[in-house]
Amino acid sequence: MPRTARPQIEPIAWRDGALRFLDQTLLPGEERFVETRDYALVAAAIRRLAVRGAPLIGIAAAYGLALAARGGVDLDAAASELRATRPTAVNLAWALDRALTAGRGATDLAAAVEAEAVRIHQEQIDADLRIGELGALLIERGATVLTHCNAGSLATGGIGTALGVIKTAHWQGKQVRALVDETRPLLQGARLTAWELAREGVPHRIIVDAAAAGLIARGDVQAIVVGADRIAANGDVANKVGTYGLALAARAHGVAFYVAAPASTIDIDTPAGARIEIEERGEDEVLAFASARTAPEGTSARNPAFDVTPADLVTAIITERGVLRAPYREAITGITRPAAVAR
């Protein structure tokens, strides 16, 4: 295991009343950090995916609210603007609600909101380490592990959730290998996950999304580990589009399908996946690549950013509070009830 709770990659940091974040839209070609004291710039960064990944979105939004408090901006208005940036990731609203609650009635509003944002960030770093430890127990020595999109440091601010599991197994000397879905249309796997794994020295190969099912069928994959943007109370999982297809292939060929996510990603107020709002992004992300149009003029596109994997396709949900298995509604209730949270 790493000797420090701080990840090698630090995509977001609070320093002297300013927020510093890595612009992920430029990776892997350029590592450019942006520093700001303007909450509106943070909202824009979340919207355009310069900051992305459900836990990191929540952390960034909480820091954005701290910037608004420091600037004397109405917090409810700032929170509404930040909340509207991405509708699917539950961590966004969860973190904003925590920061707002911390500020209400505080003698020093800005200090209270800032302290809560820092606390949310550190809790995620700690949660990632625990998720990595618990998840690595499920990975066999020498396994090839498939992952989709990016659920690493760039998505959480810690070591990552799904990638945290893979990284931890690697640090433990389990000689794991990663298969990385490129993750169309914005290539979060090819651009971001591969960049992270290279920095950590984890053996990996990129595959096109369409190759995954065939490789699973051939027996070339021993486990699949993905993150989550929202988990419903019944265990249905919303994650980057393409996840559902992986789960179907895994079930068809007897491969374990794990979801790694912090407890903050569980939305007990959403009873099932059908109630999760799925973000539809601009069609230009599908119709063009690197600013060059790849489809005929006049062609339109659908661009759902997420899909929902039914709970019965999930082998286990790995959280910092334990590894959850079916029946998920009971398992989720067990770790989210007040008494469990207080432990």
Protein backbone atom coordinates (compact mmCIF):
# COMPACT_ATOMS: atom_id res chain seq x y z
CA MET A 1 0.00 0.00 0.00
CA PRO A 2 1.15 3.60 -0.50
CA ARG A 3 2.78 5.21 2.51
CA THR A 4 0.59 8.27 2.40
CA ALA A 5 -3.15 8.90 2.12
CA ARG A 6 -2.39 11.55 -0.49
CA PRO A 7 -2.64 10.30 -4.07
CA GLN A 8 0.25 10.68 -6.50
CA ILE A 9 -2.10 12.64 -8.76
CA GLU A 10 -3.74 15.69 -7.17
CA PRO A 11 -6.43 16.90 -9.58
CA ILE A 12 -7.89 19.41 -7.14
CA ALA A 13 -6.50 21.41 -4.23
CA TRP A 14 -7.59 24.26 -1.95
CA ARG A 15 -4.77 26.73 -1.34
CA ASP A 16 -4.91 30.12 0.37
CA GLY A 17 -8.56 30.71 -0.41
CA ALA A 18 -8.33 29.64 -4.07
CA LEU A 19 -9.24 26.45 -5.88
CA ARG A 20 -6.67 24.82 -8.13
CA PHE A 21 -7.80 22.08 -10.51
CA LEU A 22 -6.39 20.11 -13.41
CA ASP A 23 -8.19 20.74 -16.71
CA GLN A 24 -8.94 17.16 -17.72
CA THR A 25 -10.13 18.10 -21.19
CA LEU A 26 -6.49 18.68 -22.19
CA LEU A 27 -5.11 15.33 -21.04
CA PRO A 28 -3.00 13.47 -21.92
CA GLY A 29 -1.39 16.04 -24.18
CA GLU A 30 -1.14 18.87 -21.68
CA GLU A 31 -1.21 19.06 -17.88
CA ARG A 32 -2.66 22.51 -17.26
CA PHE A 33 -3.84 23.64 -13.84
CA VAL A 34 -6.39 26.41 -13.40
CA GLU A 35 -6.52 28.52 -10.24
CA THR A 36 -9.63 30.52 -9.45
CA ARG A 37 -11.53 32.40 -6.76
CA ASP A 38 -14.70 32.52 -8.87
CA TYR A 39 -17.37 29.91 -8.13
CA ALA A 40 -18.93 30.48 -11.58
CA LEU A 41 -15.71 29.29 -13.23
CA VAL A 42 -15.94 26.13 -11.11
CA ALA A 43 -19.50 25.58 -12.32
CA ALA A 44 -18.36 26.03 -15.92
CA ALA A 45 -15.47 23.59 -15.38
CA ILE A 46 -17.86 20.91 -14.11
CA ARG A 47 -20.24 21.49 -17.00
CA ARG A 48 -17.54 21.15 -19.68
CA LEU A 49 -15.88 18.14 -17.99
CA ALA A 50 -12.66 19.91 -17.05
CA VAL A 51 -13.58 18.54 -13.62
CA ARG A 52 -15.43 15.22 -13.79
CA GLY A 53 -16.18 12.01 -11.90
CA ALA A 54 -19.00 11.89 -9.38
CA PRO A 55 -16.95 12.25 -6.16
CA LEU A 56 -14.67 14.94 -7.63
CA ILE A 57 -17.68 16.88 -8.92
CA GLY A 58 -19.03 16.93 -5.37
CA ILE A 59 -15.71 18.07 -3.94
CA ALA A 60 -15.34 20.79 -6.56
CA ALA A 61 -18.90 22.01 -5.98
CA ALA A 62 -18.32 22.26 -2.22
CA TYR A 63 -15.15 24.26 -2.82
CA GLY A 64 -17.08 26.38 -5.33
CA LEU A 65 -19.60 27.18 -2.63
CA ALA A 66 -16.71 28.13 -0.33
CA LEU A 67 -15.51 30.55 -3.01
CA ALA A 68 -19.01 32.01 -3.27
CA ALA A 69 -19.13 32.48 0.51
CA ARG A 70 -15.76 34.23 0.47
CA GLY A 71 -16.99 36.50 -2.33
CA GLY A 72 -20.18 37.47 -0.55
CA VAL A 73 -22.37 35.74 -3.15
CA ASP A 74 -25.79 34.49 -2.07
CA LEU A 75 -25.14 30.85 -1.21
CA ASP A 76 -28.52 29.50 -2.26
CA ALA A 77 -28.15 31.11 -5.69
CA ALA A 78 -24.59 29.80 -6.06
CA ALA A 79 -25.66 26.33 -4.96
CA SER A 80 -28.48 26.32 -7.52
CA GLU A 81 -26.06 27.24 -10.29
CA LEU A 82 -23.59 24.55 -9.26
CA ARG A 83 -26.34 21.95 -8.77
CA ALA A 84 -27.61 22.44 -12.33
CA THR A 85 -24.29 21.61 -13.99
CA ARG A 86 -24.61 17.78 -14.07
CA PRO A 87 -27.91 16.05 -13.18
CA THR A 88 -26.91 12.39 -12.81
CA ALA A 89 -24.06 12.37 -10.26
CA VAL A 90 -25.68 12.33 -6.81
CA ASN A 91 -22.45 13.44 -5.08
CA LEU A 92 -22.96 16.92 -6.50
CA ALA A 93 -26.19 17.64 -4.61
CA TRP A 94 -24.99 15.67 -1.57
CA ALA A 95 -21.84 17.76 -1.17
CA LEU A 96 -23.66 21.06 -1.76
CA ASP A 97 -26.28 20.18 0.85
CA ARG A 98 -23.55 19.36 3.38
CA ALA A 99 -21.74 22.63 2.73
CA LEU A 100 -24.96 24.66 2.91
CA THR A 101 -25.93 23.01 6.19
CA ALA A 102 -22.50 23.73 7.66
CA GLY A 103 -22.82 27.41 6.78
CA ARG A 104 -26.30 27.99 8.19
CA GLY A 105 -26.13 29.76 11.52
CA ALA A 106 -22.32 29.79 11.58
CA THR A 107 -20.64 32.83 13.09
CA ASP A 108 -18.10 32.82 10.25
CA LEU A 109 -20.04 31.61 7.20
CA ALA A 110 -17.12 31.43 4.80
CA ALA A 111 -14.90 29.58 7.28
CA ALA A 112 -17.62 27.04 8.05
CA VAL A 113 -18.33 26.27 4.39
CA GLU A 114 -14.61 26.05 3.62
CA ALA A 115 -14.01 23.67 6.52
CA GLU A 116 -16.83 21.41 5.37
CA ALA A 117 -15.48 21.33 1.81
CA VAL A 118 -12.03 20.35 3.09
CA ARG A 119 -13.67 17.67 5.25
CA ILE A 120 -15.58 16.23 2.28
CA HIS A 121 -12.34 16.10 0.28
CA GLN A 122 -10.40 14.29 3.02
CA GLU A 123 -13.24 11.85 3.64
CA GLN A 124 -13.11 10.85 -0.03
CA ILE A 125 -9.35 10.31 0.11
CA ASP A 126 -9.85 8.04 3.13
CA ALA A 127 -12.83 6.26 1.54
CA ASP A 128 -10.82 5.49 -1.60
CA LEU A 129 -8.09 3.81 0.44
CA ARG A 130 -10.62 1.59 2.20
CA ILE A 131 -12.43 0.76 -1.06
CA GLY A 132 -9.08 -0.19 -2.57
CA GLU A 133 -8.26 -2.48 0.34
CA LEU A 134 -11.64 -4.22 0.31
CA GLY A 135 -11.78 -4.49 -3.46
CA ALA A 136 -8.28 -5.90 -3.82
CA LEU A 137 -9.36 -8.86 -1.69
CA LEU A 138 -11.73 -9.81 -4.51
CA ILE A 139 -9.07 -9.74 -7.25
CA GLU A 140 -7.12 -12.93 -7.90
CA ARG A 141 -3.36 -12.91 -8.44
CA GLY A 142 -2.51 -12.51 -12.11
CA ALA A 143 -6.03 -11.44 -13.04
CA THR A 144 -6.85 -9.29 -16.04
CA VAL A 145 -9.33 -6.67 -14.84
CA LEU A 146 -11.48 -4.69 -17.25
CA THR A 147 -12.55 -1.15 -16.38
CA HIS A 148 -14.69 1.41 -18.17
CA CYS A 149 -14.41 5.21 -18.29
CA ASN A 150 -12.26 6.72 -15.51
CA ALA A 151 -12.85 6.02 -11.83
CA GLY A 152 -9.39 6.91 -10.59
CA SER A 153 -7.73 9.87 -8.93
CA LEU A 154 -9.01 12.13 -11.67
CA ALA A 155 -12.56 11.19 -10.71
CA THR A 156 -12.30 11.27 -6.92
CA GLY A 157 -9.32 13.27 -5.67
CA GLY A 158 -8.03 10.17 -3.84
CA ILE A 159 -6.55 7.00 -5.35
CA GLY A 160 -9.84 6.32 -7.10
CA THR A 161 -12.65 3.82 -6.64
CA ALA A 162 -12.53 1.23 -9.46
CA LEU A 163 -8.95 2.21 -10.28
CA GLY A 164 -8.21 2.32 -6.56
CA VAL A 165 -9.03 -1.40 -6.46
CA ILE A 166 -6.72 -2.11 -9.41
CA LYS A 167 -3.94 0.11 -8.06
CA THR A 168 -4.11 -1.49 -4.62
CA ALA A 169 -3.96 -5.00 -6.07
CA HIS A 170 -0.91 -3.86 -8.06
CA TRP A 171 0.77 -2.38 -4.97
CA GLN A 172 0.15 -5.66 -3.16
CA GLY A 173 2.16 -7.51 -5.79
CA LYS A 174 -0.78 -9.41 -7.28
CA GLN A 175 0.58 -8.94 -10.81
CA VAL A 176 -2.73 -7.72 -12.19
CA ARG A 177 -3.22 -6.36 -15.67
CA ALA A 178 -5.82 -3.81 -16.70
CA LEU A 179 -7.89 -3.68 -19.85
CA VAL A 180 -9.08 -0.13 -20.42
CA ASP A 181 -12.15 0.59 -22.52
CA GLU A 182 -11.45 3.69 -24.62
CA THR A 183 -14.91 4.96 -23.55
CA ARG A 184 -16.53 6.81 -26.43
CA PRO A 185 -17.32 9.51 -27.27
CA LEU A 186 -14.84 11.52 -25.14
CA LEU A 187 -12.28 8.74 -24.52
CA GLN A 188 -12.07 9.05 -20.75
CA GLY A 189 -10.53 5.59 -20.68
CA ALA A 190 -7.95 6.10 -23.41
CA ARG A 191 -7.08 9.66 -22.36
CA LEU A 192 -7.43 9.57 -18.57
CA THR A 193 -7.39 6.03 -17.18
CA ALA A 194 -4.41 4.97 -19.29
CA TRP A 195 -2.60 8.17 -18.23
CA GLU A 196 -3.18 7.34 -14.56
CA LEU A 197 -2.17 3.70 -14.84
CA ALA A 198 1.00 4.63 -16.72
CA ARG A 199 1.99 7.00 -13.92
CA GLU A 200 1.44 4.22 -11.36
CA GLY A 201 3.28 1.60 -13.42
CA VAL A 202 0.23 -0.68 -13.68
CA PRO A 203 0.41 -2.92 -16.78
CA HIS A 204 -2.50 -2.05 -19.06
CA ARG A 205 -3.82 -2.09 -22.59
CA ILE A 206 -6.51 0.04 -24.22
CA ILE A 207 -9.28 -1.64 -26.17
CA VAL A 208 -12.09 -0.19 -28.25
CA ASP A 209 -15.40 -0.38 -26.41
CA ALA A 210 -16.84 -2.81 -28.95
CA ALA A 211 -14.04 -5.34 -28.28
CA ALA A 212 -14.93 -5.86 -24.63
CA ALA A 213 -17.75 -8.39 -25.01
CA GLY A 214 -15.71 -10.59 -27.33
CA LEU A 215 -12.70 -10.61 -25.01
CA ILE A 216 -14.96 -11.47 -22.07
CA ALA A 217 -16.43 -14.36 -24.08
CA ARG A 218 -12.91 -15.65 -24.90
CA GLY A 219 -12.03 -15.83 -21.21
CA ASP A 220 -9.50 -13.00 -21.42
CA VAL A 221 -11.13 -11.09 -18.54
CA GLN A 222 -11.30 -12.40 -14.96
CA ALA A 223 -13.13 -9.46 -13.37
CA ILE A 224 -14.75 -6.16 -14.26
CA VAL A 225 -14.57 -3.19 -11.91
CA VAL A 226 -16.37 0.08 -12.64
CA GLY A 227 -17.32 3.18 -10.71
CA ALA A 228 -20.76 4.74 -10.31
CA ASP A 229 -22.39 8.14 -10.58
CA ARG A 230 -25.49 7.14 -8.66
CA ILE A 231 -26.67 3.96 -6.96
CA ALA A 232 -30.40 3.64 -6.32
CA ALA A 233 -31.83 2.25 -3.08
CA ASN A 234 -32.42 -1.14 -4.74
CA GLY A 235 -28.83 -1.40 -6.02
CA ASP A 236 -29.39 -0.31 -9.62
CA VAL A 237 -26.28 1.53 -10.83
CA ALA A 238 -25.99 4.55 -13.12
CA ASN A 239 -22.54 4.82 -14.67
CA LYS A 240 -20.87 5.92 -17.90
CA VAL A 241 -22.78 4.77 -20.96
CA GLY A 242 -21.58 1.33 -22.03
CA THR A 243 -21.50 -0.08 -18.51
CA TYR A 244 -24.79 -1.95 -18.91
CA GLY A 245 -23.50 -3.83 -21.93
CA LEU A 246 -20.42 -4.94 -19.98
CA ALA A 247 -22.63 -6.24 -17.19
CA LEU A 248 -24.72 -8.25 -19.65
CA ALA A 249 -21.60 -9.78 -21.19
CA ALA A 250 -20.21 -10.55 -17.74
CA ARG A 251 -23.40 -12.35 -16.72
CA ALA A 252 -23.50 -14.33 -19.96
CA HIS A 253 -19.94 -15.61 -19.45
CA GLY A 254 -19.70 -15.98 -15.67
CA VAL A 255 -17.36 -13.05 -15.02
CA ALA A 256 -17.60 -11.08 -11.77
CA PHE A 257 -18.97 -7.55 -12.24
CA TYR A 258 -18.03 -5.23 -9.37
CA VAL A 259 -19.09 -1.63 -8.72
CA ALA A 260 -16.72 0.42 -6.55
CA ALA A 261 -18.17 3.63 -5.10
CA PRO A 262 -18.29 5.59 -1.85
CA ALA A 263 -21.42 5.45 0.28
CA SER A 264 -22.10 9.07 -0.75
CA THR A 265 -22.94 7.79 -4.24
CA ILE A 266 -25.88 5.80 -2.87
CA ASP A 267 -29.13 7.72 -3.23
CA ILE A 268 -31.62 6.21 -0.80
CA ASP A 269 -34.27 8.67 -2.00
CA THR A 270 -34.22 7.13 -5.48
CA PRO A 271 -35.98 3.77 -5.21
CA ALA A 272 -34.80 2.27 -8.51
CA GLY A 273 -32.67 3.03 -11.55
CA ALA A 274 -35.65 3.96 -13.69
CA ARG A 275 -36.03 7.09 -11.55
CA ILE A 276 -32.47 8.31 -12.18
CA GLU A 277 -32.24 11.30 -14.51
CA ILE A 278 -29.86 10.44 -17.34
CA GLU A 279 -27.89 13.39 -18.67
CA GLU A 280 -28.00 13.88 -22.44
CA ARG A 281 -25.03 15.85 -23.68
CA GLY A 282 -24.55 17.79 -26.92
CA GLU A 283 -24.60 15.83 -30.16
CA ASP A 284 -21.33 17.39 -31.32
CA GLU A 285 -19.48 15.03 -28.96
CA VAL A 286 -20.72 12.16 -31.15
CA LEU A 287 -20.68 13.80 -34.57
CA ALA A 288 -17.11 15.11 -34.37
CA PHE A 289 -13.74 13.98 -33.08
CA ALA A 290 -10.99 16.40 -32.02
CA SER A 291 -13.04 19.20 -33.61
CA ALA A 292 -13.14 17.41 -36.97
CA ARG A 293 -16.60 16.37 -38.11
CA THR A 294 -16.88 12.60 -38.63
CA ALA A 295 -20.55 12.34 -39.67
CA PRO A 296 -22.28 13.78 -42.74
CA GLU A 297 -23.70 17.28 -42.47
CA GLY A 298 -27.34 17.20 -41.47
CA THR A 299 -26.95 14.01 -39.41
CA SER A 300 -28.20 14.19 -35.83
CA ALA A 301 -27.21 12.08 -32.81
CA ARG A 302 -28.31 10.89 -29.40
CA ASN A 303 -25.70 11.28 -26.65
CA PRO A 304 -26.80 9.80 -23.31
CA ALA A 305 -23.83 10.17 -20.95
CA PHE A 306 -24.90 7.29 -18.69
CA ASP A 307 -26.88 4.07 -18.60
CA VAL A 308 -28.37 2.05 -15.76
CA THR A 309 -27.24 -1.46 -14.85
CA PRO A 310 -29.90 -3.46 -12.96
CA ALA A 311 -28.87 -4.65 -9.53
CA ASP A 312 -29.27 -8.33 -10.42
CA LEU A 313 -26.30 -8.02 -12.81
CA VAL A 314 -23.98 -6.66 -10.09
CA THR A 315 -21.84 -9.22 -8.26
CA ALA A 316 -21.02 -6.83 -5.42
CA ILE A 317 -20.86 -3.13 -4.58
CA ILE A 318 -17.59 -2.18 -2.89
CA THR A 319 -17.92 0.77 -0.49
CA GLU A 320 -15.75 2.10 2.30
CA ARG A 321 -18.34 0.72 4.75
CA GLY A 322 -18.15 -2.81 3.43
CA VAL A 323 -18.72 -5.02 0.40
CA LEU A 324 -22.45 -5.20 -0.33
CA ARG A 325 -24.11 -8.21 -1.94
CA ALA A 326 -27.70 -9.03 -2.87
CA PRO A 327 -30.32 -8.48 -1.64
CA TYR A 328 -29.07 -4.93 -2.14
CA ARG A 329 -31.98 -3.03 -0.66
CA GLU A 330 -31.32 -4.63 2.72
CA ALA A 331 -27.54 -4.31 2.38
CA ILE A 332 -27.81 -0.63 1.46
CA THR A 333 -30.18 0.05 4.35
CA GLY A 334 -27.63 -1.56 6.65
CA ILE A 335 -24.87 0.90 5.79
CA THR A 336 -26.96 4.06 5.29
CA ARG A 337 -29.21 4.04 8.36
CA PRO A 338 -28.21 6.71 10.93
CA ALA A 339 -26.73 4.25 13.40
CA ALA A 340 -24.48 2.78 10.71
CA VAL A 341 -23.34 6.20 9.51
CA ALA A 342 -22.43 7.23 13.06
CA ARG A 343 -20.03 4.32 13.61
